[in-house]
Amino acid sequence: MATARTPRAAWIDAGLRALGAGGPDAVRVEVLARSLGVTKGGFYGYFADRRALLEEMLDAWERDVTDAIIESVRAGGGDARARLRHLFRIAGSPEGVTAEMSTELAIREWSRRDPDVAHRLRRVDRRRMDYLRELFREFCRDEDEVEIRCTIVTSVWMAAHFIAFDHGERTHDEIEGLVLRRVLDEPPGDGAPGGAGPGGAARS
């Protein structure tokens, strides 16, 4: 009986897990093959070399954290506020290795040493900000205010993974819920519950 071939996506996912755990230097063909329980010969049926794998890993990450998320939000329908709440829920509950914060942080660190990765990261951040602007402009006419709100939600999402906040008697999820209501112009107590803010459950 022929042995089933390891899918291309499995190599990419294994590479992204290795990247998130140890950076690009940890993405080694022999190690990935061992983690998948296969020989490294199957790798070369999909990829010309290690660099080709790294490029496809970045392609998968870029696609999943931009276009795939935007398509999901648009498919959910609703007005701009409903779509923003949907977007924040996705950001707070990532699915798949491409969306894990460890992957994001590893790529950001990698970009400090690799100009090509830095260029790709700027493209991703620009795409994210452009979509936020598109949504906020639907109910906010002041361009300065749009930029402020985009910056707030992006900063809160990223800061949630680095800072050990102390909010007294409130939980961090409750504060994030308040941030969300503020940027959506919703009075406290209305709209999305605490925990559905920009950082949400994504914190590790």
N, C-alpha and C. Protein backbone atom coordinates (compact mmCIF):
# COMPACT_ATOMS: atom_id res chain seq x y z
N MET A 1 0.85 -1.19 0.00
CA MET A 1 0.00 0.00 0.00
C MET A 1 0.89 1.25 0.00
N ALA A 2 0.55 2.19 -0.86
CA ALA A 2 1.33 3.42 -0.95
C ALA A 2 1.15 4.26 0.31
N THR A 3 2.23 4.93 0.70
CA THR A 3 2.17 5.81 1.86
C THR A 3 1.57 7.15 1.47
N ALA A 4 0.61 7.64 2.26
CA ALA A 4 -0.03 8.91 1.95
C ALA A 4 1.00 10.03 2.04
N ARG A 5 0.92 10.93 1.09
CA ARG A 5 1.87 12.04 1.04
C ARG A 5 1.46 13.11 2.04
N THR A 6 2.43 13.65 2.78
CA THR A 6 2.14 14.72 3.73
C THR A 6 1.69 15.96 2.96
N PRO A 7 0.53 16.52 3.27
CA PRO A 7 0.03 17.68 2.51
C PRO A 7 0.97 18.88 2.59
N ARG A 8 0.96 19.69 1.54
CA ARG A 8 1.77 20.91 1.49
C ARG A 8 1.47 21.80 2.69
N ALA A 9 0.17 21.94 3.01
CA ALA A 9 -0.24 22.82 4.11
C ALA A 9 0.34 22.35 5.44
N ALA A 10 0.56 21.04 5.59
CA ALA A 10 1.12 20.53 6.85
C ALA A 10 2.55 21.02 7.03
N TRP A 11 3.31 21.09 5.95
CA TRP A 11 4.68 21.62 6.04
C TRP A 11 4.64 23.11 6.40
N ILE A 12 3.71 23.83 5.80
CA ILE A 12 3.61 25.27 6.08
C ILE A 12 3.22 25.50 7.53
N ASP A 13 2.23 24.74 8.01
CA ASP A 13 1.80 24.90 9.40
C ASP A 13 2.93 24.53 10.37
N ALA A 14 3.64 23.46 10.05
CA ALA A 14 4.76 23.05 10.91
C ALA A 14 5.84 24.13 10.92
N GLY A 15 6.07 24.73 9.76
CA GLY A 15 7.05 25.81 9.68
C GLY A 15 6.63 27.01 10.50
N LEU A 16 5.35 27.35 10.46
CA LEU A 16 4.86 28.49 11.23
C LEU A 16 4.92 28.22 12.73
N ARG A 17 4.65 26.98 13.13
CA ARG A 17 4.77 26.64 14.55
C ARG A 17 6.22 26.77 15.01
N ALA A 18 7.14 26.31 14.17
CA ALA A 18 8.56 26.43 14.51
C ALA A 18 8.98 27.90 14.55
N LEU A 19 8.48 28.68 13.61
CA LEU A 19 8.77 30.11 13.59
C LEU A 19 8.30 30.78 14.86
N GLY A 20 7.07 30.49 15.28
CA GLY A 20 6.51 31.09 16.48
C GLY A 20 7.26 30.70 17.73
N ALA A 21 7.83 29.50 17.72
CA ALA A 21 8.53 29.00 18.91
C ALA A 21 9.98 29.47 18.97
N GLY A 22 10.63 29.61 17.81
CA GLY A 22 12.06 29.90 17.85
C GLY A 22 12.58 30.84 16.78
N GLY A 23 11.67 31.50 16.05
CA GLY A 23 12.13 32.41 15.01
C GLY A 23 12.50 31.69 13.73
N PRO A 24 12.91 32.43 12.69
CA PRO A 24 13.18 31.80 11.39
C PRO A 24 14.31 30.78 11.42
N ASP A 25 15.28 30.94 12.31
CA ASP A 25 16.38 29.97 12.37
C ASP A 25 15.90 28.59 12.82
N ALA A 26 14.73 28.55 13.49
CA ALA A 26 14.19 27.27 13.96
C ALA A 26 13.46 26.51 12.85
N VAL A 27 13.24 27.16 11.71
CA VAL A 27 12.55 26.51 10.59
C VAL A 27 13.59 25.76 9.77
N ARG A 28 13.77 24.49 10.11
CA ARG A 28 14.76 23.63 9.46
C ARG A 28 14.05 22.39 8.92
N VAL A 29 14.40 22.02 7.70
CA VAL A 29 13.69 20.93 7.02
C VAL A 29 13.75 19.64 7.84
N GLU A 30 14.92 19.29 8.35
CA GLU A 30 15.05 18.03 9.10
C GLU A 30 14.16 18.03 10.34
N VAL A 31 14.13 19.16 11.03
CA VAL A 31 13.33 19.26 12.26
C VAL A 31 11.85 19.19 11.93
N LEU A 32 11.43 19.87 10.86
CA LEU A 32 10.02 19.84 10.47
C LEU A 32 9.60 18.42 10.08
N ALA A 33 10.46 17.74 9.33
CA ALA A 33 10.14 16.37 8.92
C ALA A 33 9.96 15.48 10.13
N ARG A 34 10.85 15.65 11.12
CA ARG A 34 10.75 14.85 12.33
C ARG A 34 9.45 15.14 13.08
N SER A 35 9.06 16.42 13.13
CA SER A 35 7.82 16.78 13.84
C SER A 35 6.59 16.23 13.13
N LEU A 36 6.70 16.05 11.81
CA LEU A 36 5.58 15.50 11.04
C LEU A 36 5.63 13.98 10.94
N GLY A 37 6.71 13.39 11.42
CA GLY A 37 6.84 11.94 11.37
C GLY A 37 7.09 11.41 9.98
N VAL A 38 7.80 12.20 9.15
CA VAL A 38 8.09 11.78 7.78
C VAL A 38 9.56 12.03 7.49
N THR A 39 10.00 11.58 6.32
CA THR A 39 11.37 11.87 5.89
C THR A 39 11.37 13.22 5.18
N LYS A 40 12.54 13.84 5.10
CA LYS A 40 12.60 15.16 4.49
C LYS A 40 12.50 15.11 2.96
N GLY A 41 12.56 13.89 2.40
CA GLY A 41 12.43 13.77 0.95
C GLY A 41 11.12 14.33 0.43
N GLY A 42 10.04 14.15 1.21
CA GLY A 42 8.74 14.65 0.78
C GLY A 42 8.69 16.16 0.68
N PHE A 43 9.54 16.83 1.43
CA PHE A 43 9.58 18.29 1.42
C PHE A 43 9.87 18.82 0.03
N TYR A 44 10.82 18.17 -0.66
CA TYR A 44 11.27 18.67 -1.95
C TYR A 44 10.29 18.36 -3.09
N GLY A 45 9.24 17.63 -2.77
CA GLY A 45 8.18 17.47 -3.75
C GLY A 45 7.30 18.70 -3.84
N TYR A 46 7.38 19.56 -2.84
CA TYR A 46 6.58 20.79 -2.79
C TYR A 46 7.41 22.06 -2.91
N PHE A 47 8.61 22.04 -2.32
CA PHE A 47 9.40 23.27 -2.20
C PHE A 47 10.80 23.06 -2.79
N ALA A 48 11.25 24.06 -3.51
CA ALA A 48 12.58 23.97 -4.11
C ALA A 48 13.67 23.96 -3.03
N ASP A 49 13.43 24.73 -1.98
CA ASP A 49 14.41 24.82 -0.90
C ASP A 49 13.74 25.45 0.32
N ARG A 50 14.52 25.65 1.36
CA ARG A 50 14.00 26.21 2.60
C ARG A 50 13.45 27.61 2.38
N ARG A 51 14.12 28.40 1.55
CA ARG A 51 13.65 29.77 1.29
C ARG A 51 12.26 29.77 0.67
N ALA A 52 11.99 28.81 -0.20
CA ALA A 52 10.67 28.73 -0.82
C ALA A 52 9.60 28.45 0.24
N LEU A 53 9.93 27.60 1.21
CA LEU A 53 8.99 27.34 2.30
C LEU A 53 8.74 28.61 3.10
N LEU A 54 9.80 29.33 3.44
CA LEU A 54 9.64 30.56 4.21
C LEU A 54 8.72 31.55 3.48
N GLU A 55 8.87 31.66 2.16
CA GLU A 55 8.02 32.56 1.39
C GLU A 55 6.56 32.12 1.44
N GLU A 56 6.32 30.81 1.32
CA GLU A 56 4.94 30.32 1.37
C GLU A 56 4.35 30.46 2.77
N MET A 57 5.18 30.33 3.79
CA MET A 57 4.70 30.57 5.16
C MET A 57 4.24 32.02 5.30
N LEU A 58 5.03 32.95 4.79
CA LEU A 58 4.66 34.36 4.87
C LEU A 58 3.42 34.66 4.02
N ASP A 59 3.32 34.00 2.87
CA ASP A 59 2.12 34.16 2.03
C ASP A 59 0.87 33.73 2.80
N ALA A 60 0.96 32.57 3.45
CA ALA A 60 -0.19 32.03 4.20
C ALA A 60 -0.55 32.95 5.35
N TRP A 61 0.46 33.42 6.07
CA TRP A 61 0.20 34.34 7.19
C TRP A 61 -0.46 35.61 6.69
N GLU A 62 0.10 36.22 5.65
CA GLU A 62 -0.44 37.48 5.13
C GLU A 62 -1.90 37.31 4.68
N ARG A 63 -2.17 36.25 3.97
CA ARG A 63 -3.52 35.99 3.48
C ARG A 63 -4.50 35.81 4.64
N ASP A 64 -4.12 35.03 5.64
CA ASP A 64 -5.04 34.69 6.72
C ASP A 64 -5.29 35.86 7.67
N VAL A 65 -4.31 36.77 7.83
CA VAL A 65 -4.51 37.86 8.78
C VAL A 65 -5.03 39.13 8.11
N THR A 66 -5.20 39.10 6.79
CA THR A 66 -5.78 40.26 6.11
C THR A 66 -7.01 39.84 5.31
N ASP A 67 -6.81 39.34 4.11
CA ASP A 67 -7.95 39.06 3.23
C ASP A 67 -8.96 38.09 3.82
N ALA A 68 -8.48 37.01 4.46
CA ALA A 68 -9.42 36.02 5.00
C ALA A 68 -10.28 36.63 6.11
N ILE A 69 -9.67 37.44 6.97
CA ILE A 69 -10.43 38.07 8.05
C ILE A 69 -11.41 39.09 7.48
N ILE A 70 -10.97 39.91 6.55
CA ILE A 70 -11.85 40.93 5.96
C ILE A 70 -13.02 40.27 5.25
N GLU A 71 -12.76 39.19 4.52
CA GLU A 71 -13.85 38.47 3.84
C GLU A 71 -14.84 37.92 4.86
N SER A 72 -14.36 37.39 5.98
CA SER A 72 -15.25 36.85 7.01
C SER A 72 -16.11 37.95 7.61
N VAL A 73 -15.51 39.11 7.88
CA VAL A 73 -16.26 40.22 8.46
C VAL A 73 -17.32 40.71 7.48
N ARG A 74 -16.96 40.86 6.24
CA ARG A 74 -17.93 41.31 5.23
C ARG A 74 -19.06 40.32 5.05
N ALA A 75 -18.73 39.04 5.10
CA ALA A 75 -19.77 38.01 4.94
C ALA A 75 -20.76 38.04 6.09
N GLY A 76 -20.31 38.50 7.28
CA GLY A 76 -21.21 38.56 8.43
C GLY A 76 -22.25 39.65 8.33
N GLY A 77 -22.02 40.61 7.44
CA GLY A 77 -23.01 41.67 7.22
C GLY A 77 -23.11 42.64 8.38
N GLY A 78 -24.19 43.42 8.36
CA GLY A 78 -24.43 44.41 9.41
C GLY A 78 -23.82 45.76 9.07
N ASP A 79 -24.10 46.73 9.92
CA ASP A 79 -23.54 48.06 9.71
C ASP A 79 -22.08 48.08 10.15
N ALA A 80 -21.45 49.25 10.07
CA ALA A 80 -20.02 49.34 10.36
C ALA A 80 -19.71 48.94 11.80
N ARG A 81 -20.57 49.34 12.74
CA ARG A 81 -20.32 48.98 14.14
C ARG A 81 -20.40 47.47 14.34
N ALA A 82 -21.37 46.83 13.71
CA ALA A 82 -21.50 45.38 13.82
C ALA A 82 -20.28 44.69 13.20
N ARG A 83 -19.80 45.21 12.09
CA ARG A 83 -18.64 44.61 11.45
C ARG A 83 -17.38 44.83 12.30
N LEU A 84 -17.27 45.98 12.94
CA LEU A 84 -16.13 46.20 13.83
C LEU A 84 -16.17 45.25 15.02
N ARG A 85 -17.35 45.04 15.60
CA ARG A 85 -17.47 44.08 16.71
C ARG A 85 -17.07 42.68 16.25
N HIS A 86 -17.50 42.31 15.04
CA HIS A 86 -17.13 41.01 14.48
C HIS A 86 -15.61 40.91 14.31
N LEU A 87 -15.02 41.98 13.79
CA LEU A 87 -13.57 42.02 13.60
C LEU A 87 -12.83 41.84 14.92
N PHE A 88 -13.31 42.52 15.97
CA PHE A 88 -12.64 42.43 17.27
C PHE A 88 -12.80 41.04 17.87
N ARG A 89 -13.95 40.39 17.61
CA ARG A 89 -14.12 39.02 18.11
C ARG A 89 -13.12 38.08 17.44
N ILE A 90 -12.92 38.26 16.13
CA ILE A 90 -11.96 37.42 15.42
C ILE A 90 -10.55 37.67 15.97
N ALA A 91 -10.20 38.94 16.17
CA ALA A 91 -8.88 39.28 16.69
C ALA A 91 -8.67 38.71 18.08
N GLY A 92 -9.75 38.61 18.87
CA GLY A 92 -9.65 38.11 20.23
C GLY A 92 -9.70 36.60 20.34
N SER A 93 -10.07 35.92 19.26
CA SER A 93 -10.18 34.45 19.29
C SER A 93 -9.57 33.88 18.02
N PRO A 94 -8.26 33.99 17.86
CA PRO A 94 -7.62 33.54 16.62
C PRO A 94 -7.76 32.04 16.42
N GLU A 95 -7.91 31.63 15.15
CA GLU A 95 -8.01 30.22 14.81
C GLU A 95 -6.90 29.89 13.82
N GLY A 96 -6.14 28.86 14.09
CA GLY A 96 -5.09 28.42 13.20
C GLY A 96 -3.75 29.04 13.54
N VAL A 97 -2.70 28.37 13.13
CA VAL A 97 -1.35 28.79 13.51
C VAL A 97 -1.00 30.13 12.89
N THR A 98 -1.55 30.46 11.70
CA THR A 98 -1.23 31.74 11.07
C THR A 98 -1.71 32.91 11.91
N ALA A 99 -2.80 32.72 12.64
CA ALA A 99 -3.39 33.83 13.40
C ALA A 99 -2.89 33.90 14.84
N GLU A 100 -2.07 32.95 15.26
CA GLU A 100 -1.59 32.97 16.65
C GLU A 100 -0.65 34.15 16.87
N MET A 101 -0.75 34.76 18.06
CA MET A 101 0.09 35.91 18.35
C MET A 101 1.57 35.55 18.34
N SER A 102 1.92 34.32 18.69
CA SER A 102 3.33 33.93 18.65
C SER A 102 3.88 34.04 17.23
N THR A 103 3.05 33.72 16.24
CA THR A 103 3.46 33.86 14.84
C THR A 103 3.65 35.32 14.48
N GLU A 104 2.68 36.13 14.85
CA GLU A 104 2.75 37.58 14.58
C GLU A 104 4.02 38.19 15.18
N LEU A 105 4.28 37.88 16.44
CA LEU A 105 5.43 38.47 17.12
C LEU A 105 6.74 37.99 16.51
N ALA A 106 6.79 36.72 16.12
CA ALA A 106 8.01 36.19 15.51
C ALA A 106 8.28 36.88 14.17
N ILE A 107 7.23 37.14 13.41
CA ILE A 107 7.41 37.81 12.13
C ILE A 107 7.84 39.27 12.34
N ARG A 108 7.29 39.91 13.35
CA ARG A 108 7.70 41.30 13.64
C ARG A 108 9.18 41.35 14.06
N GLU A 109 9.60 40.39 14.85
CA GLU A 109 11.01 40.35 15.24
C GLU A 109 11.89 40.04 14.03
N TRP A 110 11.46 39.12 13.21
CA TRP A 110 12.18 38.75 11.98
C TRP A 110 12.34 39.96 11.07
N SER A 111 11.31 40.80 10.99
CA SER A 111 11.33 41.95 10.09
C SER A 111 12.42 42.96 10.45
N ARG A 112 12.89 42.91 11.68
CA ARG A 112 13.96 43.83 12.09
C ARG A 112 15.28 43.48 11.45
N ARG A 113 15.41 42.24 10.96
CA ARG A 113 16.67 41.78 10.38
C ARG A 113 16.58 41.49 8.89
N ASP A 114 15.36 41.45 8.36
CA ASP A 114 15.18 41.07 6.95
C ASP A 114 14.33 42.13 6.25
N PRO A 115 14.91 42.90 5.32
CA PRO A 115 14.15 43.97 4.65
C PRO A 115 12.93 43.47 3.89
N ASP A 116 13.01 42.27 3.31
CA ASP A 116 11.86 41.74 2.57
C ASP A 116 10.69 41.44 3.51
N VAL A 117 10.99 40.90 4.66
CA VAL A 117 9.95 40.63 5.65
C VAL A 117 9.39 41.95 6.18
N ALA A 118 10.27 42.94 6.37
CA ALA A 118 9.81 44.25 6.84
C ALA A 118 8.86 44.87 5.84
N HIS A 119 9.15 44.73 4.56
CA HIS A 119 8.27 45.26 3.51
C HIS A 119 6.90 44.58 3.56
N ARG A 120 6.91 43.27 3.73
CA ARG A 120 5.65 42.53 3.79
C ARG A 120 4.86 42.93 5.04
N LEU A 121 5.54 43.09 6.16
CA LEU A 121 4.86 43.48 7.39
C LEU A 121 4.22 44.85 7.25
N ARG A 122 4.91 45.78 6.64
CA ARG A 122 4.32 47.11 6.41
C ARG A 122 3.07 47.00 5.55
N ARG A 123 3.09 46.11 4.56
CA ARG A 123 1.93 45.92 3.70
C ARG A 123 0.74 45.36 4.50
N VAL A 124 1.02 44.42 5.39
CA VAL A 124 -0.04 43.85 6.23
C VAL A 124 -0.63 44.91 7.16
N ASP A 125 0.24 45.66 7.83
CA ASP A 125 -0.24 46.69 8.74
C ASP A 125 -1.02 47.77 8.00
N ARG A 126 -0.58 48.12 6.80
CA ARG A 126 -1.29 49.11 6.00
C ARG A 126 -2.68 48.59 5.60
N ARG A 127 -2.74 47.31 5.23
CA ARG A 127 -4.03 46.71 4.84
C ARG A 127 -4.98 46.70 6.03
N ARG A 128 -4.49 46.35 7.20
CA ARG A 128 -5.32 46.33 8.40
C ARG A 128 -5.85 47.73 8.72
N MET A 129 -4.94 48.71 8.69
CA MET A 129 -5.36 50.08 9.01
C MET A 129 -6.34 50.62 7.98
N ASP A 130 -6.11 50.31 6.72
CA ASP A 130 -7.02 50.78 5.67
C ASP A 130 -8.44 50.23 5.89
N TYR A 131 -8.52 48.97 6.31
CA TYR A 131 -9.86 48.40 6.53
C TYR A 131 -10.52 49.02 7.76
N LEU A 132 -9.75 49.25 8.81
CA LEU A 132 -10.30 49.94 9.98
C LEU A 132 -10.80 51.33 9.59
N ARG A 133 -10.02 52.06 8.81
CA ARG A 133 -10.44 53.39 8.38
C ARG A 133 -11.75 53.32 7.60
N GLU A 134 -11.83 52.33 6.72
CA GLU A 134 -13.05 52.16 5.92
C GLU A 134 -14.28 51.99 6.82
N LEU A 135 -14.15 51.20 7.86
CA LEU A 135 -15.28 50.96 8.75
C LEU A 135 -15.60 52.18 9.61
N PHE A 136 -14.59 52.78 10.22
CA PHE A 136 -14.84 53.94 11.08
C PHE A 136 -15.40 55.12 10.30
N ARG A 137 -15.01 55.28 9.05
CA ARG A 137 -15.51 56.40 8.24
C ARG A 137 -17.01 56.31 7.98
N GLU A 138 -17.59 55.14 8.14
CA GLU A 138 -19.02 55.00 7.89
C GLU A 138 -19.87 55.73 8.93
N PHE A 139 -19.30 55.95 10.13
CA PHE A 139 -20.07 56.68 11.13
C PHE A 139 -19.28 57.80 11.80
N CYS A 140 -18.06 58.04 11.33
CA CYS A 140 -17.23 59.11 11.89
C CYS A 140 -16.73 59.98 10.74
N ARG A 141 -17.14 61.23 10.72
CA ARG A 141 -16.81 62.11 9.60
C ARG A 141 -15.47 62.81 9.74
N ASP A 142 -14.97 62.93 10.94
CA ASP A 142 -13.72 63.64 11.21
C ASP A 142 -12.53 62.72 10.94
N GLU A 143 -11.69 63.07 9.96
CA GLU A 143 -10.57 62.20 9.59
C GLU A 143 -9.56 62.05 10.74
N ASP A 144 -9.36 63.11 11.50
CA ASP A 144 -8.46 62.98 12.65
C ASP A 144 -9.00 61.98 13.65
N GLU A 145 -10.31 62.02 13.86
CA GLU A 145 -10.94 61.11 14.81
C GLU A 145 -10.87 59.66 14.31
N VAL A 146 -11.04 59.49 13.01
CA VAL A 146 -10.90 58.15 12.42
C VAL A 146 -9.51 57.60 12.69
N GLU A 147 -8.49 58.43 12.48
CA GLU A 147 -7.11 57.98 12.67
C GLU A 147 -6.85 57.66 14.14
N ILE A 148 -7.39 58.49 15.03
CA ILE A 148 -7.23 58.26 16.46
C ILE A 148 -7.83 56.91 16.86
N ARG A 149 -9.05 56.65 16.39
CA ARG A 149 -9.72 55.40 16.77
C ARG A 149 -9.01 54.18 16.20
N CYS A 150 -8.54 54.28 14.97
CA CYS A 150 -7.79 53.16 14.39
C CYS A 150 -6.53 52.88 15.20
N THR A 151 -5.85 53.95 15.60
CA THR A 151 -4.62 53.80 16.37
C THR A 151 -4.90 53.22 17.75
N ILE A 152 -5.99 53.65 18.37
CA ILE A 152 -6.34 53.14 19.70
C ILE A 152 -6.58 51.64 19.66
N VAL A 153 -7.44 51.19 18.75
CA VAL A 153 -7.78 49.76 18.76
C VAL A 153 -6.58 48.90 18.37
N THR A 154 -5.75 49.38 17.44
CA THR A 154 -4.57 48.62 17.06
C THR A 154 -3.58 48.55 18.22
N SER A 155 -3.40 49.67 18.91
CA SER A 155 -2.46 49.72 20.04
C SER A 155 -2.93 48.86 21.21
N VAL A 156 -4.23 48.88 21.50
CA VAL A 156 -4.77 48.06 22.58
C VAL A 156 -4.60 46.59 22.26
N TRP A 157 -4.86 46.22 21.02
CA TRP A 157 -4.71 44.82 20.60
C TRP A 157 -3.28 44.35 20.80
N MET A 158 -2.31 45.15 20.38
CA MET A 158 -0.92 44.75 20.50
C MET A 158 -0.43 44.82 21.94
N ALA A 159 -0.80 45.87 22.65
CA ALA A 159 -0.32 46.05 24.03
C ALA A 159 -0.82 44.94 24.95
N ALA A 160 -1.97 44.37 24.64
CA ALA A 160 -2.53 43.32 25.49
C ALA A 160 -1.59 42.13 25.64
N HIS A 161 -0.66 41.98 24.72
CA HIS A 161 0.24 40.83 24.74
C HIS A 161 1.59 41.14 25.41
N PHE A 162 1.77 42.37 25.83
CA PHE A 162 3.06 42.77 26.39
C PHE A 162 2.97 43.33 27.80
N ILE A 163 1.85 43.90 28.16
CA ILE A 163 1.76 44.65 29.41
C ILE A 163 0.87 43.91 30.41
N ALA A 164 1.35 43.77 31.64
CA ALA A 164 0.55 43.16 32.72
C ALA A 164 -0.27 44.27 33.37
N PHE A 165 -1.44 44.53 32.82
CA PHE A 165 -2.28 45.62 33.29
C PHE A 165 -2.83 45.34 34.69
N ASP A 166 -3.04 46.41 35.44
CA ASP A 166 -3.74 46.33 36.72
C ASP A 166 -4.84 47.38 36.70
N HIS A 167 -6.08 46.93 36.64
CA HIS A 167 -7.22 47.83 36.56
C HIS A 167 -8.03 47.84 37.85
N GLY A 168 -7.40 47.52 38.96
CA GLY A 168 -8.12 47.53 40.22
C GLY A 168 -9.16 46.43 40.27
N GLU A 169 -10.41 46.82 40.52
CA GLU A 169 -11.47 45.83 40.65
C GLU A 169 -12.00 45.34 39.30
N ARG A 170 -11.63 46.02 38.23
CA ARG A 170 -12.09 45.61 36.90
C ARG A 170 -11.09 44.64 36.27
N THR A 171 -11.59 43.74 35.47
CA THR A 171 -10.72 42.86 34.71
C THR A 171 -10.25 43.58 33.45
N HIS A 172 -9.19 43.04 32.86
CA HIS A 172 -8.71 43.65 31.62
C HIS A 172 -9.75 43.50 30.51
N ASP A 173 -10.46 42.38 30.48
CA ASP A 173 -11.49 42.19 29.47
C ASP A 173 -12.60 43.25 29.61
N GLU A 174 -12.95 43.59 30.85
CA GLU A 174 -13.97 44.62 31.06
C GLU A 174 -13.49 45.97 30.53
N ILE A 175 -12.22 46.29 30.76
CA ILE A 175 -11.69 47.55 30.27
C ILE A 175 -11.65 47.56 28.74
N GLU A 176 -11.28 46.44 28.16
CA GLU A 176 -11.28 46.37 26.70
C GLU A 176 -12.69 46.56 26.14
N GLY A 177 -13.67 46.01 26.86
CA GLY A 177 -15.06 46.23 26.44
C GLY A 177 -15.42 47.70 26.48
N LEU A 178 -14.94 48.42 27.49
CA LEU A 178 -15.19 49.86 27.58
C LEU A 178 -14.49 50.62 26.46
N VAL A 179 -13.27 50.20 26.13
CA VAL A 179 -12.56 50.82 25.01
C VAL A 179 -13.35 50.64 23.73
N LEU A 180 -13.85 49.43 23.51
CA LEU A 180 -14.62 49.15 22.31
C LEU A 180 -15.86 50.04 22.23
N ARG A 181 -16.58 50.14 23.34
CA ARG A 181 -17.79 50.98 23.33
C ARG A 181 -17.46 52.43 23.07
N ARG A 182 -16.32 52.89 23.61
CA ARG A 182 -15.93 54.28 23.41
C ARG A 182 -15.65 54.56 21.93
N VAL A 183 -14.88 53.69 21.28
CA VAL A 183 -14.53 53.95 19.88
C VAL A 183 -15.73 53.74 18.95
N LEU A 184 -16.73 52.98 19.41
CA LEU A 184 -17.94 52.79 18.61
C LEU A 184 -19.04 53.79 18.96
N ASP A 185 -18.74 54.72 19.88
CA ASP A 185 -19.72 55.72 20.31
C ASP A 185 -20.94 55.08 20.96
N GLU A 186 -20.70 54.00 21.71
CA GLU A 186 -21.80 53.34 22.42
C GLU A 186 -21.71 53.68 23.90
N PRO A 187 -22.83 53.98 24.55
CA PRO A 187 -22.79 54.27 25.99
C PRO A 187 -22.41 53.04 26.77
N PRO A 188 -21.76 53.20 27.94
CA PRO A 188 -21.40 52.05 28.78
C PRO A 188 -22.62 51.19 29.08
N GLY A 189 -22.44 49.88 28.98
CA GLY A 189 -23.55 48.97 29.27
C GLY A 189 -24.27 48.50 28.04
N ASP A 190 -24.03 49.18 26.89
CA ASP A 190 -24.65 48.77 25.64
C ASP A 190 -23.62 48.07 24.76
N GLY A 191 -24.10 47.44 23.70
CA GLY A 191 -23.20 46.87 22.71
C GLY A 191 -22.53 45.60 23.19
N ALA A 192 -21.30 45.41 22.75
CA ALA A 192 -20.59 44.15 23.01
C ALA A 192 -20.22 44.03 24.46
N PRO A 193 -20.29 42.85 25.05
CA PRO A 193 -19.91 42.63 26.43
C PRO A 193 -18.42 42.71 26.60
N GLY A 194 -17.96 42.84 27.84
CA GLY A 194 -16.54 42.83 28.13
C GLY A 194 -15.92 41.55 27.63
N GLY A 195 -14.69 41.65 27.17
CA GLY A 195 -14.02 40.48 26.61
C GLY A 195 -14.06 40.43 25.11
N ALA A 196 -14.89 41.30 24.49
CA ALA A 196 -14.97 41.32 23.04
C ALA A 196 -14.19 42.50 22.47
N GLY A 197 -13.29 43.05 23.28
CA GLY A 197 -12.52 44.21 22.85
C GLY A 197 -11.42 43.84 21.88
N PRO A 198 -10.59 44.83 21.48
CA PRO A 198 -9.58 44.60 20.47
C PRO A 198 -8.59 43.49 20.81
N GLY A 199 -8.24 43.31 22.09
CA GLY A 199 -7.28 42.26 22.45
C GLY A 199 -7.98 40.95 22.73
N GLY A 200 -9.07 41.01 23.48
CA GLY A 200 -9.89 39.84 23.76
C GLY A 200 -9.11 38.67 24.28
N ALA A 201 -9.49 37.49 23.83
CA ALA A 201 -8.90 36.26 24.36
C ALA A 201 -7.57 35.92 23.73
N ALA A 202 -7.05 36.80 22.89
CA ALA A 202 -5.81 36.47 22.20
C ALA A 202 -4.60 36.56 23.10
N ARG A 203 -4.72 37.18 24.27
CA ARG A 203 -3.56 37.31 25.13
C ARG A 203 -3.08 35.94 25.60
N SER A 204 -1.77 35.80 25.65
CA SER A 204 -1.21 34.52 26.10
C SER A 204 -0.67 34.67 27.49
